[in-house]
Amino acid sequence: MNRWILSFLIFAASTQAQELATVRPDSGKVGSVLRIRGAGLDKTKVDSVYLSDQTLDMMVKVLNQTDDFIEFRIPPSVKPGKFQLVIRTAGKQPHILEQPFYIRVEESGEAAEVATASK
């Protein structure tokens, strides 16, 4: 086998791409903890996680991270709505990868009560 092909195969096997499979739960309030499941998610491959509304990307606090899951908390700055998951890869040349997963941030109990009381 050609040395170049062998080197490429070894490189490809050692650089597993990030693969997201599920996000559970897929909704929550500010402060809720959500878990992304997949493969290739450890700190050497995924540097950070964001929620995006296509205008603004908000970094989330990662609580726990392994090769097959990332747990994060919905930050207090996030307003209710639908957000796409975005990850930033680790390494010398990081990439921003929009994921085909969305979460819904719900109104907190206090915000819902204030909105109802003011009507």
C-alpha atoms as a PDB file:
ATOM      1  CA  MET A   1       0.000   0.000   0.000  1.00  0.00           C
ATOM      2  CA  ASN A   2       1.234   3.460  -0.836  1.00  0.00           C
ATOM      3  CA  ARG A   3       2.786   5.305   2.165  1.00  0.00           C
ATOM      4  CA  TRP A   4       0.713   8.395   1.449  1.00  0.00           C
ATOM      5  CA  ILE A   5      -2.550   6.431   1.538  1.00  0.00           C
ATOM      6  CA  LEU A   6      -1.514   4.661   4.740  1.00  0.00           C
ATOM      7  CA  SER A   7      -0.604   7.992   6.384  1.00  0.00           C
ATOM      8  CA  PHE A   8      -3.952   9.459   5.344  1.00  0.00           C
ATOM      9  CA  LEU A   9      -5.882   6.492   6.752  1.00  0.00           C
ATOM     10  CA  ILE A  10      -4.047   6.731  10.075  1.00  0.00           C
ATOM     11  CA  PHE A  11      -4.693  10.496  10.201  1.00  0.00           C
ATOM     12  CA  ALA A  12      -8.386  10.050   9.348  1.00  0.00           C
ATOM     13  CA  ALA A  13      -8.823   7.392  12.026  1.00  0.00           C
ATOM     14  CA  SER A  14      -7.170   9.582  14.667  1.00  0.00           C
ATOM     15  CA  THR A  15      -9.221  12.695  13.854  1.00  0.00           C
ATOM     16  CA  GLN A  16     -12.744  11.521  14.491  1.00  0.00           C
ATOM     17  CA  ALA A  17     -15.251  14.161  13.424  1.00  0.00           C
ATOM     18  CA  GLN A  18     -17.722  15.558  15.900  1.00  0.00           C
ATOM     19  CA  GLU A  19     -21.053  13.811  15.549  1.00  0.00           C
ATOM     20  CA  LEU A  20     -24.156  14.879  17.453  1.00  0.00           C
ATOM     21  CA  ALA A  21     -26.939  12.338  17.868  1.00  0.00           C
ATOM     22  CA  THR A  22     -29.423  13.810  20.381  1.00  0.00           C
ATOM     23  CA  VAL A  23     -30.054  16.718  22.726  1.00  0.00           C
ATOM     24  CA  ARG A  24     -32.136  15.955  25.814  1.00  0.00           C
ATOM     25  CA  PRO A  25     -34.224  17.576  26.910  1.00  0.00           C
ATOM     26  CA  ASP A  26     -34.765  19.673  23.796  1.00  0.00           C
ATOM     27  CA  SER A  27     -36.233  22.574  25.764  1.00  0.00           C
ATOM     28  CA  GLY A  28     -35.804  24.259  29.124  1.00  0.00           C
ATOM     29  CA  LYS A  29     -35.725  27.482  31.078  1.00  0.00           C
ATOM     30  CA  VAL A  30     -32.729  29.653  31.885  1.00  0.00           C
ATOM     31  CA  GLY A  31     -30.483  27.612  34.184  1.00  0.00           C
ATOM     32  CA  SER A  32     -31.720  24.241  32.885  1.00  0.00           C
ATOM     33  CA  VAL A  33     -29.099  21.579  32.175  1.00  0.00           C
ATOM     34  CA  LEU A  34     -29.198  19.880  28.760  1.00  0.00           C
ATOM     35  CA  ARG A  35     -27.114  16.984  27.459  1.00  0.00           C
ATOM     36  CA  ILE A  36     -25.778  16.566  23.925  1.00  0.00           C
ATOM     37  CA  ARG A  37     -25.009  12.930  23.046  1.00  0.00           C
ATOM     38  CA  GLY A  38     -22.807  11.863  20.182  1.00  0.00           C
ATOM     39  CA  ALA A  39     -19.196  10.994  19.383  1.00  0.00           C
ATOM     40  CA  GLY A  40     -15.933  12.919  19.249  1.00  0.00           C
ATOM     41  CA  LEU A  41     -17.124  15.493  21.796  1.00  0.00           C
ATOM     42  CA  ASP A  42     -14.249  15.556  24.303  1.00  0.00           C
ATOM     43  CA  LYS A  43     -12.258  18.730  25.092  1.00  0.00           C
ATOM     44  CA  THR A  44      -9.518  17.860  22.597  1.00  0.00           C
ATOM     45  CA  LYS A  45     -12.112  18.022  19.788  1.00  0.00           C
ATOM     46  CA  VAL A  46     -14.784  20.490  20.963  1.00  0.00           C
ATOM     47  CA  ASP A  47     -13.607  23.789  22.471  1.00  0.00           C
ATOM     48  CA  SER A  48     -16.952  25.472  23.162  1.00  0.00           C
ATOM     49  CA  VAL A  49     -20.715  25.292  22.618  1.00  0.00           C
ATOM     50  CA  TYR A  50     -23.034  28.137  21.612  1.00  0.00           C
ATOM     51  CA  LEU A  51     -26.737  28.801  21.215  1.00  0.00           C
ATOM     52  CA  SER A  52     -27.491  30.841  18.101  1.00  0.00           C
ATOM     53  CA  ASP A  53     -30.571  32.744  17.006  1.00  0.00           C
ATOM     54  CA  GLN A  54     -28.854  33.445  13.630  1.00  0.00           C
ATOM     55  CA  THR A  55     -28.085  37.003  14.820  1.00  0.00           C
ATOM     56  CA  LEU A  56     -26.174  36.392  18.015  1.00  0.00           C
ATOM     57  CA  ASP A  57     -24.161  33.401  19.255  1.00  0.00           C
ATOM     58  CA  MET A  58     -24.207  32.980  23.049  1.00  0.00           C
ATOM     59  CA  MET A  59     -21.607  30.743  24.682  1.00  0.00           C
ATOM     60  CA  VAL A  60     -23.028  28.264  27.174  1.00  0.00           C
ATOM     61  CA  LYS A  61     -21.349  27.026  30.336  1.00  0.00           C
ATOM     62  CA  VAL A  62     -20.152  23.466  29.778  1.00  0.00           C
ATOM     63  CA  LEU A  63     -20.580  21.523  33.019  1.00  0.00           C
ATOM     64  CA  ASN A  64     -19.292  18.112  31.974  1.00  0.00           C
ATOM     65  CA  GLN A  65     -17.671  16.885  28.778  1.00  0.00           C
ATOM     66  CA  THR A  66     -16.587  13.420  27.608  1.00  0.00           C
ATOM     67  CA  ASP A  67     -16.097  11.795  24.230  1.00  0.00           C
ATOM     68  CA  ASP A  68     -19.781  10.838  24.015  1.00  0.00           C
ATOM     69  CA  PHE A  69     -21.618  13.711  25.744  1.00  0.00           C
ATOM     70  CA  ILE A  70     -21.543  17.388  26.699  1.00  0.00           C
ATOM     71  CA  GLU A  71     -23.689  18.766  29.509  1.00  0.00           C
ATOM     72  CA  PHE A  72     -24.350  22.492  29.516  1.00  0.00           C
ATOM     73  CA  ARG A  73     -26.483  25.073  31.278  1.00  0.00           C
ATOM     74  CA  ILE A  74     -28.751  27.559  29.477  1.00  0.00           C
ATOM     75  CA  PRO A  75     -27.196  30.956  30.293  1.00  0.00           C
ATOM     76  CA  PRO A  76     -29.143  33.749  32.033  1.00  0.00           C
ATOM     77  CA  SER A  77     -28.684  36.125  29.071  1.00  0.00           C
ATOM     78  CA  VAL A  78     -30.796  33.952  26.738  1.00  0.00           C
ATOM     79  CA  LYS A  79     -34.312  35.173  25.947  1.00  0.00           C
ATOM     80  CA  PRO A  80     -37.160  32.742  25.278  1.00  0.00           C
ATOM     81  CA  GLY A  81     -37.165  31.348  21.749  1.00  0.00           C
ATOM     82  CA  LYS A  82     -35.702  28.740  19.402  1.00  0.00           C
ATOM     83  CA  PHE A  83     -31.896  28.391  19.214  1.00  0.00           C
ATOM     84  CA  GLN A  84     -29.555  26.348  17.062  1.00  0.00           C
ATOM     85  CA  LEU A  85     -26.620  24.484  18.596  1.00  0.00           C
ATOM     86  CA  VAL A  86     -23.214  25.589  17.324  1.00  0.00           C
ATOM     87  CA  ILE A  87     -19.865  24.074  18.301  1.00  0.00           C
ATOM     88  CA  ARG A  88     -16.345  25.429  17.966  1.00  0.00           C
ATOM     89  CA  THR A  89     -13.763  22.764  17.335  1.00  0.00           C
ATOM     90  CA  ALA A  90     -10.480  22.649  19.236  1.00  0.00           C
ATOM     91  CA  GLY A  91      -7.024  22.795  17.701  1.00  0.00           C
ATOM     92  CA  LYS A  92      -4.745  25.159  15.816  1.00  0.00           C
ATOM     93  CA  GLN A  93      -7.364  25.854  13.160  1.00  0.00           C
ATOM     94  CA  PRO A  94     -10.749  25.781  14.931  1.00  0.00           C
ATOM     95  CA  HIS A  95     -13.969  25.679  12.935  1.00  0.00           C
ATOM     96  CA  ILE A  96     -17.451  26.889  13.797  1.00  0.00           C
ATOM     97  CA  LEU A  97     -19.923  24.105  13.012  1.00  0.00           C
ATOM     98  CA  GLU A  98     -23.654  24.812  12.934  1.00  0.00           C
ATOM     99  CA  GLN A  99     -25.504  21.709  14.037  1.00  0.00           C
ATOM    100  CA  PRO A 100     -28.901  20.469  12.797  1.00  0.00           C
ATOM    101  CA  PHE A 101     -30.228  20.553  16.371  1.00  0.00           C
ATOM    102  CA  TYR A 102     -32.443  23.193  17.952  1.00  0.00           C
ATOM    103  CA  ILE A 103     -33.573  23.809  21.499  1.00  0.00           C
ATOM    104  CA  ARG A 104     -36.438  25.912  22.764  1.00  0.00           C
ATOM    105  CA  VAL A 105     -35.803  28.222  25.709  1.00  0.00           C
ATOM    106  CA  GLU A 106     -39.009  28.691  27.665  1.00  0.00           C
ATOM    107  CA  GLU A 107     -40.027  31.681  29.749  1.00  0.00           C
ATOM    108  CA  SER A 108     -39.119  31.389  33.401  1.00  0.00           C
ATOM    109  CA  GLY A 109     -41.987  31.227  35.893  1.00  0.00           C
ATOM    110  CA  GLU A 110     -41.322  34.798  37.089  1.00  0.00           C
ATOM    111  CA  ALA A 111     -41.262  36.270  33.569  1.00  0.00           C
ATOM    112  CA  ALA A 112     -44.493  34.472  32.639  1.00  0.00           C
ATOM    113  CA  GLU A 113     -46.213  35.712  35.829  1.00  0.00           C
ATOM    114  CA  VAL A 114     -45.085  39.328  35.228  1.00  0.00           C
ATOM    115  CA  ALA A 115     -46.273  39.195  31.591  1.00  0.00           C
ATOM    116  CA  THR A 116     -49.665  37.808  32.647  1.00  0.00           C
ATOM    117  CA  ALA A 117     -50.054  40.334  35.487  1.00  0.00           C
ATOM    118  CA  SER A 118     -49.300  43.299  33.212  1.00  0.00           C
ATOM    119  CA  LYS A 119     -52.035  42.360  30.695  1.00  0.00           C
END
